[in-house]
Amino acid sequence: MLTQFRLLTRDCGTATLFSHHRRKQPRKADESAGPLESANLRQWFQDARGASALINASDVRLGVDEPDISAYGRADQATTNFLKHCIDLHLVRKAGRGCYEKL
């Protein structure tokens, strides 16, 4: 199937995006790859539901997971630290007091 899509996209000059989800995670933490931020990526992608060829034969794999907001914290200092980190990475700039612009 992926070979057929590659031929089609080459002929049409387009790209194909497949969206696939991981299987429902077990309740026991030691049986799951865990959150994407700290997981072994190979194991995380192997948790995909269905045929492994959908994952292993693809050209590019993108992993998307819910963020772990417990690590972020919700205090003022955590927000300040996060924004400073974004500035250091040139993702945002401070435009004024309490105002930031995306770069």
PDB file of N, CA and C in Angstrom:
ATOM      1  N   MET A   1       0.824  -1.188   0.000  1.00  0.00           N
ATOM      2  CA  MET A   1       0.000   0.000   0.000  1.00  0.00           C
ATOM      3  C   MET A   1       0.874   1.261   0.000  1.00  0.00           C
ATOM      4  N   LEU A   2       1.916   1.265   0.837  1.00  0.00           N
ATOM      5  CA  LEU A   2       2.788   2.436   0.881  1.00  0.00           C
ATOM      6  C   LEU A   2       3.517   2.641  -0.432  1.00  0.00           C
ATOM      7  N   THR A   3       3.882   1.559  -1.095  1.00  0.00           N
ATOM      8  CA  THR A   3       4.539   1.665  -2.406  1.00  0.00           C
ATOM      9  C   THR A   3       3.606   2.325  -3.413  1.00  0.00           C
ATOM     10  N   GLN A   4       2.326   1.947  -3.392  1.00  0.00           N
ATOM     11  CA  GLN A   4       1.351   2.549  -4.300  1.00  0.00           C
ATOM     12  C   GLN A   4       1.195   4.044  -4.032  1.00  0.00           C
ATOM     13  N   PHE A   5       1.164   4.424  -2.780  1.00  0.00           N
ATOM     14  CA  PHE A   5       1.061   5.843  -2.448  1.00  0.00           C
ATOM     15  C   PHE A   5       2.319   6.602  -2.860  1.00  0.00           C
ATOM     16  N   ARG A   6       3.493   5.995  -2.713  1.00  0.00           N
ATOM     17  CA  ARG A   6       4.727   6.658  -3.146  1.00  0.00           C
ATOM     18  C   ARG A   6       4.700   6.914  -4.651  1.00  0.00           C
ATOM     19  N   LEU A   7       4.243   5.940  -5.430  1.00  0.00           N
ATOM     20  CA  LEU A   7       4.140   6.126  -6.886  1.00  0.00           C
ATOM     21  C   LEU A   7       3.147   7.238  -7.218  1.00  0.00           C
ATOM     22  N   LEU A   8       2.020   7.235  -6.536  1.00  0.00           N
ATOM     23  CA  LEU A   8       0.998   8.254  -6.773  1.00  0.00           C
ATOM     24  C   LEU A   8       1.508   9.644  -6.430  1.00  0.00           C
ATOM     25  N   THR A   9       2.167   9.777  -5.294  1.00  0.00           N
ATOM     26  CA  THR A   9       2.661  11.098  -4.901  1.00  0.00           C
ATOM     27  C   THR A   9       3.775  11.567  -5.823  1.00  0.00           C
ATOM     28  N   ARG A  10       4.602  10.644  -6.301  1.00  0.00           N
ATOM     29  CA  ARG A  10       5.661  11.018  -7.243  1.00  0.00           C
ATOM     30  C   ARG A  10       5.055  11.490  -8.563  1.00  0.00           C
ATOM     31  N   ASP A  11       4.037  10.782  -9.050  1.00  0.00           N
ATOM     32  CA  ASP A  11       3.384  11.155 -10.310  1.00  0.00           C
ATOM     33  C   ASP A  11       2.653  12.493 -10.206  1.00  0.00           C
ATOM     34  N   CYS A  12       2.047  12.759  -9.067  1.00  0.00           N
ATOM     35  CA  CYS A  12       1.252  13.974  -8.888  1.00  0.00           C
ATOM     36  C   CYS A  12       2.054  15.134  -8.308  1.00  0.00           C
ATOM     37  N   GLY A  13       3.261  14.864  -7.823  1.00  0.00           N
ATOM     38  CA  GLY A  13       4.066  15.918  -7.216  1.00  0.00           C
ATOM     39  C   GLY A  13       3.495  16.396  -5.890  1.00  0.00           C
ATOM     40  N   THR A  14       2.940  15.467  -5.131  1.00  0.00           N
ATOM     41  CA  THR A  14       2.336  15.811  -3.848  1.00  0.00           C
ATOM     42  C   THR A  14       2.957  14.971  -2.732  1.00  0.00           C
ATOM     43  N   ALA A  15       2.393  15.077  -1.563  1.00  0.00           N
ATOM     44  CA  ALA A  15       2.811  14.262  -0.422  1.00  0.00           C
ATOM     45  C   ALA A  15       1.572  13.627   0.188  1.00  0.00           C
ATOM     46  N   THR A  16       1.780  12.569   0.925  1.00  0.00           N
ATOM     47  CA  THR A  16       0.688  11.883   1.602  1.00  0.00           C
ATOM     48  C   THR A  16       0.983  11.853   3.085  1.00  0.00           C
ATOM     49  N   LEU A  17      -0.014  12.170   3.871  1.00  0.00           N
ATOM     50  CA  LEU A  17       0.122  12.144   5.317  1.00  0.00           C
ATOM     51  C   LEU A  17      -0.852  11.122   5.875  1.00  0.00           C
ATOM     52  N   PHE A  18      -0.322  10.163   6.613  1.00  0.00           N
ATOM     53  CA  PHE A  18      -1.146   9.182   7.299  1.00  0.00           C
ATOM     54  C   PHE A  18      -1.147   9.515   8.779  1.00  0.00           C
ATOM     55  N   SER A  19      -2.292   9.468   9.370  1.00  0.00           N
ATOM     56  CA  SER A  19      -2.409   9.716  10.804  1.00  0.00           C
ATOM     57  C   SER A  19      -2.793   8.401  11.470  1.00  0.00           C
ATOM     58  N   HIS A  20      -2.035   8.027  12.483  1.00  0.00           N
ATOM     59  CA  HIS A  20      -2.259   6.751  13.141  1.00  0.00           C
ATOM     60  C   HIS A  20      -2.113   6.955  14.637  1.00  0.00           C
ATOM     61  N   HIS A  21      -2.823   6.203  15.439  1.00  0.00           N
ATOM     62  CA  HIS A  21      -2.768   6.399  16.883  1.00  0.00           C
ATOM     63  C   HIS A  21      -2.141   5.198  17.575  1.00  0.00           C
ATOM     64  N   ARG A  22      -1.688   5.454  18.770  1.00  0.00           N
ATOM     65  CA  ARG A  22      -1.136   4.376  19.582  1.00  0.00           C
ATOM     66  C   ARG A  22      -2.275   3.626  20.248  1.00  0.00           C
ATOM     67  N   ARG A  23      -1.982   2.390  20.599  1.00  0.00           N
ATOM     68  CA  ARG A  23      -3.000   1.606  21.301  1.00  0.00           C
ATOM     69  C   ARG A  23      -3.232   2.167  22.700  1.00  0.00           C
ATOM     70  N   LYS A  24      -4.352   1.812  23.282  1.00  0.00           N
ATOM     71  CA  LYS A  24      -4.667   2.255  24.630  1.00  0.00           C
ATOM     72  C   LYS A  24      -3.568   1.763  25.576  1.00  0.00           C
ATOM     73  N   GLN A  25      -3.059   2.654  26.384  1.00  0.00           N
ATOM     74  CA  GLN A  25      -1.930   2.326  27.239  1.00  0.00           C
ATOM     75  C   GLN A  25      -2.364   1.513  28.458  1.00  0.00           C
ATOM     76  N   PRO A  26      -1.527   0.536  28.836  1.00  0.00           N
ATOM     77  CA  PRO A  26      -1.856  -0.271  30.018  1.00  0.00           C
ATOM     78  C   PRO A  26      -1.812   0.578  31.286  1.00  0.00           C
ATOM     79  N   ARG A  27      -2.518   0.132  32.286  1.00  0.00           N
ATOM     80  CA  ARG A  27      -2.549   0.870  33.556  1.00  0.00           C
ATOM     81  C   ARG A  27      -1.242   0.752  34.312  1.00  0.00           C
ATOM     82  N   LYS A  28      -0.515  -0.340  34.123  1.00  0.00           N
ATOM     83  CA  LYS A  28       0.751  -0.533  34.820  1.00  0.00           C
ATOM     84  C   LYS A  28       1.846   0.236  34.095  1.00  0.00           C
ATOM     85  N   ALA A  29       2.531   1.105  34.802  1.00  0.00           N
ATOM     86  CA  ALA A  29       3.533   1.981  34.193  1.00  0.00           C
ATOM     87  C   ALA A  29       4.675   1.199  33.566  1.00  0.00           C
ATOM     88  N   ASP A  30       5.045   0.045  34.132  1.00  0.00           N
ATOM     89  CA  ASP A  30       6.182  -0.722  33.610  1.00  0.00           C
ATOM     90  C   ASP A  30       5.861  -1.446  32.308  1.00  0.00           C
ATOM     91  N   GLU A  31       4.591  -1.475  31.890  1.00  0.00           N
ATOM     92  CA  GLU A  31       4.195  -2.125  30.642  1.00  0.00           C
ATOM     93  C   GLU A  31       4.057  -1.136  29.491  1.00  0.00           C
ATOM     94  N   SER A  32       4.236   0.123  29.752  1.00  0.00           N
ATOM     95  CA  SER A  32       4.052   1.159  28.752  1.00  0.00           C
ATOM     96  C   SER A  32       5.373   1.871  28.465  1.00  0.00           C
ATOM     97  N   ALA A  33       5.497   2.420  27.268  1.00  0.00           N
ATOM     98  CA  ALA A  33       6.679   3.219  26.928  1.00  0.00           C
ATOM     99  C   ALA A  33       6.658   4.542  27.677  1.00  0.00           C
ATOM    100  N   GLY A  34       5.507   4.937  28.172  1.00  0.00           N
ATOM    101  CA  GLY A  34       5.390   6.177  28.934  1.00  0.00           C
ATOM    102  C   GLY A  34       5.203   7.383  28.033  1.00  0.00           C
ATOM    103  N   PRO A  35       5.316   8.581  28.614  1.00  0.00           N
ATOM    104  CA  PRO A  35       5.139   9.804  27.825  1.00  0.00           C
ATOM    105  C   PRO A  35       6.290   9.997  26.839  1.00  0.00           C
ATOM    106  N   LEU A  36       6.002  10.657  25.754  1.00  0.00           N
ATOM    107  CA  LEU A  36       6.976  10.859  24.682  1.00  0.00           C
ATOM    108  C   LEU A  36       8.240  11.566  25.155  1.00  0.00           C
ATOM    109  N   GLU A  37       8.101  12.526  26.083  1.00  0.00           N
ATOM    110  CA  GLU A  37       9.262  13.298  26.536  1.00  0.00           C
ATOM    111  C   GLU A  37      10.358  12.433  27.127  1.00  0.00           C
ATOM    112  N   SER A  38       9.988  11.324  27.778  1.00  0.00           N
ATOM    113  CA  SER A  38      10.982  10.507  28.464  1.00  0.00           C
ATOM    114  C   SER A  38      11.045   9.079  27.957  1.00  0.00           C
ATOM    115  N   ALA A  39      10.335   8.767  26.901  1.00  0.00           N
ATOM    116  CA  ALA A  39      10.233   7.386  26.424  1.00  0.00           C
ATOM    117  C   ALA A  39      11.399   6.993  25.530  1.00  0.00           C
ATOM    118  N   ASN A  40      11.630   5.688  25.456  1.00  0.00           N
ATOM    119  CA  ASN A  40      12.475   5.127  24.410  1.00  0.00           C
ATOM    120  C   ASN A  40      11.656   5.248  23.130  1.00  0.00           C
ATOM    121  N   LEU A  41      12.136   6.020  22.163  1.00  0.00           N
ATOM    122  CA  LEU A  41      11.323   6.328  20.976  1.00  0.00           C
ATOM    123  C   LEU A  41      10.957   5.088  20.176  1.00  0.00           C
ATOM    124  N   ARG A  42      11.868   4.161  20.056  1.00  0.00           N
ATOM    125  CA  ARG A  42      11.555   2.924  19.316  1.00  0.00           C
ATOM    126  C   ARG A  42      10.383   2.206  19.980  1.00  0.00           C
ATOM    127  N   GLN A  43      10.427   2.082  21.293  1.00  0.00           N
ATOM    128  CA  GLN A  43       9.344   1.413  22.013  1.00  0.00           C
ATOM    129  C   GLN A  43       8.059   2.232  21.923  1.00  0.00           C
ATOM    130  N   TRP A  44       8.178   3.562  21.990  1.00  0.00           N
ATOM    131  CA  TRP A  44       6.998   4.418  21.917  1.00  0.00           C
ATOM    132  C   TRP A  44       6.272   4.213  20.589  1.00  0.00           C
ATOM    133  N   PHE A  45       7.020   4.171  19.478  1.00  0.00           N
ATOM    134  CA  PHE A  45       6.392   3.964  18.171  1.00  0.00           C
ATOM    135  C   PHE A  45       5.899   2.532  17.997  1.00  0.00           C
ATOM    136  N   GLN A  46       6.503   1.573  18.687  1.00  0.00           N
ATOM    137  CA  GLN A  46       6.030   0.192  18.595  1.00  0.00           C
ATOM    138  C   GLN A  46       4.694   0.005  19.296  1.00  0.00           C
ATOM    139  N   ASP A  47       4.303   0.952  20.094  1.00  0.00           N
ATOM    140  CA  ASP A  47       2.991   0.903  20.737  1.00  0.00           C
ATOM    141  C   ASP A  47       1.868   1.286  19.778  1.00  0.00           C
ATOM    142  N   ALA A  48       2.204   1.503  18.507  1.00  0.00           N
ATOM    143  CA  ALA A  48       1.172   1.859  17.530  1.00  0.00           C
ATOM    144  C   ALA A  48       0.219   0.693  17.352  1.00  0.00           C
ATOM    145  N   ARG A  49      -1.000   1.021  17.117  1.00  0.00           N
ATOM    146  CA  ARG A  49      -2.034   0.005  16.936  1.00  0.00           C
ATOM    147  C   ARG A  49      -1.969  -0.525  15.506  1.00  0.00           C
ATOM    148  N   GLY A  50      -2.172  -1.813  15.330  1.00  0.00           N
ATOM    149  CA  GLY A  50      -2.241  -2.394  13.996  1.00  0.00           C
ATOM    150  C   GLY A  50      -0.888  -2.865  13.490  1.00  0.00           C
ATOM    151  N   ALA A  51      -0.786  -2.988  12.174  1.00  0.00           N
ATOM    152  CA  ALA A  51       0.403  -3.539  11.535  1.00  0.00           C
ATOM    153  C   ALA A  51       1.617  -2.637  11.750  1.00  0.00           C
ATOM    154  N   SER A  52       2.729  -3.238  12.138  1.00  0.00           N
ATOM    155  CA  SER A  52       3.945  -2.453  12.374  1.00  0.00           C
ATOM    156  C   SER A  52       4.507  -1.890  11.077  1.00  0.00           C
ATOM    157  N   ALA A  53       4.121  -2.452   9.922  1.00  0.00           N
ATOM    158  CA  ALA A  53       4.601  -1.942   8.639  1.00  0.00           C
ATOM    159  C   ALA A  53       4.161  -0.501   8.411  1.00  0.00           C
ATOM    160  N   LEU A  54       3.023  -0.117   8.979  1.00  0.00           N
ATOM    161  CA  LEU A  54       2.569   1.272   8.832  1.00  0.00           C
ATOM    162  C   LEU A  54       3.567   2.237   9.452  1.00  0.00           C
ATOM    163  N   ILE A  55       4.230   1.806  10.511  1.00  0.00           N
ATOM    164  CA  ILE A  55       5.214   2.638  11.173  1.00  0.00           C
ATOM    165  C   ILE A  55       6.591   2.428  10.561  1.00  0.00           C
ATOM    166  N   ASN A  56       7.001   1.180  10.451  1.00  0.00           N
ATOM    167  CA  ASN A  56       8.372   0.866  10.043  1.00  0.00           C
ATOM    168  C   ASN A  56       8.661   1.175   8.576  1.00  0.00           C
ATOM    169  N   ALA A  57       7.670   1.140   7.712  1.00  0.00           N
ATOM    170  CA  ALA A  57       7.902   1.378   6.294  1.00  0.00           C
ATOM    171  C   ALA A  57       7.663   2.822   5.879  1.00  0.00           C
ATOM    172  N   SER A  58       7.287   3.661   6.814  1.00  0.00           N
ATOM    173  CA  SER A  58       7.047   5.064   6.457  1.00  0.00           C
ATOM    174  C   SER A  58       8.370   5.808   6.335  1.00  0.00           C
ATOM    175  N   ASP A  59       8.354   6.884   5.559  1.00  0.00           N
ATOM    176  CA  ASP A  59       9.565   7.677   5.337  1.00  0.00           C
ATOM    177  C   ASP A  59       9.893   8.555   6.536  1.00  0.00           C
ATOM    178  N   VAL A  60       8.886   9.114   7.158  1.00  0.00           N
ATOM    179  CA  VAL A  60       9.065  10.016   8.293  1.00  0.00           C
ATOM    180  C   VAL A  60       8.034   9.641   9.349  1.00  0.00           C
ATOM    181  N   ARG A  61       8.462   9.647  10.601  1.00  0.00           N
ATOM    182  CA  ARG A  61       7.542   9.392  11.704  1.00  0.00           C
ATOM    183  C   ARG A  61       7.546  10.599  12.620  1.00  0.00           C
ATOM    184  N   LEU A  62       6.377  11.077  12.941  1.00  0.00           N
ATOM    185  CA  LEU A  62       6.234  12.186  13.879  1.00  0.00           C
ATOM    186  C   LEU A  62       5.443  11.694  15.074  1.00  0.00           C
ATOM    187  N   GLY A  63       5.961  11.930  16.249  1.00  0.00           N
ATOM    188  CA  GLY A  63       5.263  11.540  17.462  1.00  0.00           C
ATOM    189  C   GLY A  63       4.640  12.753  18.118  1.00  0.00           C
ATOM    190  N   VAL A  64       3.386  12.641  18.487  1.00  0.00           N
ATOM    191  CA  VAL A  64       2.679  13.721  19.171  1.00  0.00           C
ATOM    192  C   VAL A  64       2.049  13.117  20.413  1.00  0.00           C
ATOM    193  N   ASP A  65       2.257  13.762  21.531  1.00  0.00           N
ATOM    194  CA  ASP A  65       1.729  13.265  22.788  1.00  0.00           C
ATOM    195  C   ASP A  65       1.239  14.444  23.611  1.00  0.00           C
ATOM    196  N   GLU A  66       0.370  14.180  24.561  1.00  0.00           N
ATOM    197  CA  GLU A  66      -0.071  15.241  25.454  1.00  0.00           C
ATOM    198  C   GLU A  66       1.107  15.678  26.316  1.00  0.00           C
ATOM    199  N   PRO A  67       1.266  16.985  26.534  1.00  0.00           N
ATOM    200  CA  PRO A  67       2.378  17.435  27.378  1.00  0.00           C
ATOM    201  C   PRO A  67       2.164  17.045  28.827  1.00  0.00           C
ATOM    202  N   ASP A  68       3.251  16.843  29.512  1.00  0.00           N
ATOM    203  CA  ASP A  68       3.200  16.542  30.937  1.00  0.00           C
ATOM    204  C   ASP A  68       3.183  17.862  31.689  1.00  0.00           C
ATOM    205  N   ILE A  69       1.996  18.354  32.004  1.00  0.00           N
ATOM    206  CA  ILE A  69       1.897  19.666  32.645  1.00  0.00           C
ATOM    207  C   ILE A  69       2.294  19.620  34.113  1.00  0.00           C
ATOM    208  N   SER A  70       2.397  18.422  34.680  1.00  0.00           N
ATOM    209  CA  SER A  70       2.804  18.355  36.079  1.00  0.00           C
ATOM    210  C   SER A  70       4.257  18.801  36.236  1.00  0.00           C
ATOM    211  N   ALA A  71       5.069  18.616  35.198  1.00  0.00           N
ATOM    212  CA  ALA A  71       6.472  19.042  35.262  1.00  0.00           C
ATOM    213  C   ALA A  71       6.595  20.550  35.074  1.00  0.00           C
ATOM    214  N   TYR A  72       5.617  21.153  34.440  1.00  0.00           N
ATOM    215  CA  TYR A  72       5.664  22.580  34.162  1.00  0.00           C
ATOM    216  C   TYR A  72       5.423  23.394  35.417  1.00  0.00           C
ATOM    217  N   GLY A  73       4.512  22.972  36.218  1.00  0.00           N
ATOM    218  CA  GLY A  73       4.177  23.758  37.408  1.00  0.00           C
ATOM    219  C   GLY A  73       3.226  24.878  37.021  1.00  0.00           C
ATOM    220  N   ARG A  74       2.658  25.524  37.990  1.00  0.00           N
ATOM    221  CA  ARG A  74       1.703  26.572  37.664  1.00  0.00           C
ATOM    222  C   ARG A  74       1.965  27.846  38.441  1.00  0.00           C
ATOM    223  N   ALA A  75       3.131  27.949  39.032  1.00  0.00           N
ATOM    224  CA  ALA A  75       3.462  29.153  39.783  1.00  0.00           C
ATOM    225  C   ALA A  75       4.030  30.212  38.847  1.00  0.00           C
ATOM    226  N   ASP A  76       4.092  31.450  39.329  1.00  0.00           N
ATOM    227  CA  ASP A  76       4.614  32.550  38.518  1.00  0.00           C
ATOM    228  C   ASP A  76       6.047  32.298  38.076  1.00  0.00           C
ATOM    229  N   GLN A  77       6.876  31.784  38.983  1.00  0.00           N
ATOM    230  CA  GLN A  77       8.279  31.558  38.635  1.00  0.00           C
ATOM    231  C   GLN A  77       8.421  30.521  37.530  1.00  0.00           C
ATOM    232  N   ALA A  78       7.576  29.497  37.525  1.00  0.00           N
ATOM    233  CA  ALA A  78       7.631  28.490  36.464  1.00  0.00           C
ATOM    234  C   ALA A  78       7.305  29.111  35.110  1.00  0.00           C
ATOM    235  N   THR A  79       6.341  30.015  35.091  1.00  0.00           N
ATOM    236  CA  THR A  79       5.984  30.704  33.846  1.00  0.00           C
ATOM    237  C   THR A  79       7.122  31.608  33.392  1.00  0.00           C
ATOM    238  N   THR A  80       7.722  32.336  34.312  1.00  0.00           N
ATOM    239  CA  THR A  80       8.853  33.204  33.982  1.00  0.00           C
ATOM    240  C   THR A  80      10.014  32.393  33.426  1.00  0.00           C
ATOM    241  N   ASN A  81      10.320  31.274  34.053  1.00  0.00           N
ATOM    242  CA  ASN A  81      11.406  30.414  33.571  1.00  0.00           C
ATOM    243  C   ASN A  81      11.115  29.883  32.178  1.00  0.00           C
ATOM    244  N   PHE A  82       9.861  29.479  31.940  1.00  0.00           N
ATOM    245  CA  PHE A  82       9.469  28.971  30.630  1.00  0.00           C
ATOM    246  C   PHE A  82       9.633  30.043  29.554  1.00  0.00           C
ATOM    247  N   LEU A  83       9.166  31.259  29.839  1.00  0.00           N
ATOM    248  CA  LEU A  83       9.271  32.341  28.860  1.00  0.00           C
ATOM    249  C   LEU A  83      10.727  32.721  28.596  1.00  0.00           C
ATOM    250  N   LYS A  84      11.573  32.727  29.626  1.00  0.00           N
ATOM    251  CA  LYS A  84      12.997  33.001  29.426  1.00  0.00           C
ATOM    252  C   LYS A  84      13.633  31.934  28.553  1.00  0.00           C
ATOM    253  N   HIS A  85      13.230  30.703  28.756  1.00  0.00           N
ATOM    254  CA  HIS A  85      13.748  29.606  27.929  1.00  0.00           C
ATOM    255  C   HIS A  85      13.325  29.795  26.469  1.00  0.00           C
ATOM    256  N   CYS A  86      12.088  30.200  26.241  1.00  0.00           N
ATOM    257  CA  CYS A  86      11.601  30.460  24.881  1.00  0.00           C
ATOM    258  C   CYS A  86      12.364  31.614  24.229  1.00  0.00           C
ATOM    259  N   ILE A  87      12.685  32.641  25.010  1.00  0.00           N
ATOM    260  CA  ILE A  87      13.468  33.768  24.496  1.00  0.00           C
ATOM    261  C   ILE A  87      14.865  33.297  24.117  1.00  0.00           C
ATOM    262  N   ASP A  88      15.490  32.484  24.980  1.00  0.00           N
ATOM    263  CA  ASP A  88      16.827  31.955  24.701  1.00  0.00           C
ATOM    264  C   ASP A  88      16.851  31.120  23.431  1.00  0.00           C
ATOM    265  N   LEU A  89      15.754  30.450  23.134  1.00  0.00           N
ATOM    266  CA  LEU A  89      15.654  29.623  21.933  1.00  0.00           C
ATOM    267  C   LEU A  89      15.201  30.424  20.706  1.00  0.00           C
ATOM    268  N   HIS A  90      15.008  31.742  20.887  1.00  0.00           N
ATOM    269  CA  HIS A  90      14.558  32.651  19.818  1.00  0.00           C
ATOM    270  C   HIS A  90      13.191  32.254  19.263  1.00  0.00           C
ATOM    271  N   LEU A  91      12.320  31.782  20.155  1.00  0.00           N
ATOM    272  CA  LEU A  91      10.960  31.458  19.766  1.00  0.00           C
ATOM    273  C   LEU A  91      10.028  32.639  19.965  1.00  0.00           C
ATOM    274  N   VAL A  92      10.309  33.434  20.995  1.00  0.00           N
ATOM    275  CA  VAL A  92       9.521  34.630  21.280  1.00  0.00           C
ATOM    276  C   VAL A  92      10.457  35.763  21.680  1.00  0.00           C
ATOM    277  N   ARG A  93       9.919  36.978  21.646  1.00  0.00           N
ATOM    278  CA  ARG A  93      10.657  38.120  22.171  1.00  0.00           C
ATOM    279  C   ARG A  93       9.701  38.913  23.037  1.00  0.00           C
ATOM    280  N   LYS A  94      10.271  39.575  24.018  1.00  0.00           N
ATOM    281  CA  LYS A  94       9.445  40.372  24.913  1.00  0.00           C
ATOM    282  C   LYS A  94       9.159  41.704  24.246  1.00  0.00           C
ATOM    283  N   ALA A  95       7.884  42.010  24.048  1.00  0.00           N
ATOM    284  CA  ALA A  95       7.475  43.238  23.376  1.00  0.00           C
ATOM    285  C   ALA A  95       7.122  44.330  24.370  1.00  0.00           C
ATOM    286  N   GLY A  96       6.898  43.964  25.591  1.00  0.00           N
ATOM    287  CA  GLY A  96       6.529  44.918  26.643  1.00  0.00           C
ATOM    288  C   GLY A  96       6.213  44.144  27.896  1.00  0.00           C
ATOM    289  N   ARG A  97       5.795  44.858  28.912  1.00  0.00           N
ATOM    290  CA  ARG A  97       5.497  44.180  30.172  1.00  0.00           C
ATOM    291  C   ARG A  97       4.324  43.217  29.994  1.00  0.00           C
ATOM    292  N   GLY A  98       4.593  41.936  30.203  1.00  0.00           N
ATOM    293  CA  GLY A  98       3.576  40.905  30.072  1.00  0.00           C
ATOM    294  C   GLY A  98       3.135  40.636  28.647  1.00  0.00           C
ATOM    295  N   CYS A  99       3.884  41.131  27.678  1.00  0.00           N
ATOM    296  CA  CYS A  99       3.512  40.959  26.275  1.00  0.00           C
ATOM    297  C   CYS A  99       4.693  40.335  25.503  1.00  0.00           C
ATOM    298  N   TYR A 100       4.439  39.236  24.835  1.00  0.00           N
ATOM    299  CA  TYR A 100       5.468  38.518  24.089  1.00  0.00           C
ATOM    300  C   TYR A 100       4.991  38.300  22.667  1.00  0.00           C
ATOM    301  N   GLU A 101       5.936  38.324  21.724  1.00  0.00           N
ATOM    302  CA  GLU A 101       5.615  38.098  20.316  1.00  0.00           C
ATOM    303  C   GLU A 101       6.337  36.859  19.831  1.00  0.00           C
ATOM    304  N   LYS A 102       5.640  36.067  19.045  1.00  0.00           N
ATOM    305  CA  LYS A 102       6.235  34.879  18.441  1.00  0.00           C
ATOM    306  C   LYS A 102       7.187  35.295  17.333  1.00  0.00           C
ATOM    307  N   LEU A 103       8.360  34.669  17.275  1.00  0.00           N
ATOM    308  CA  LEU A 103       9.319  34.968  16.217  1.00  0.00           C
ATOM    309  C   LEU A 103       9.217  33.975  15.080  1.00  0.00           C
TER     310      LEU A 103
END
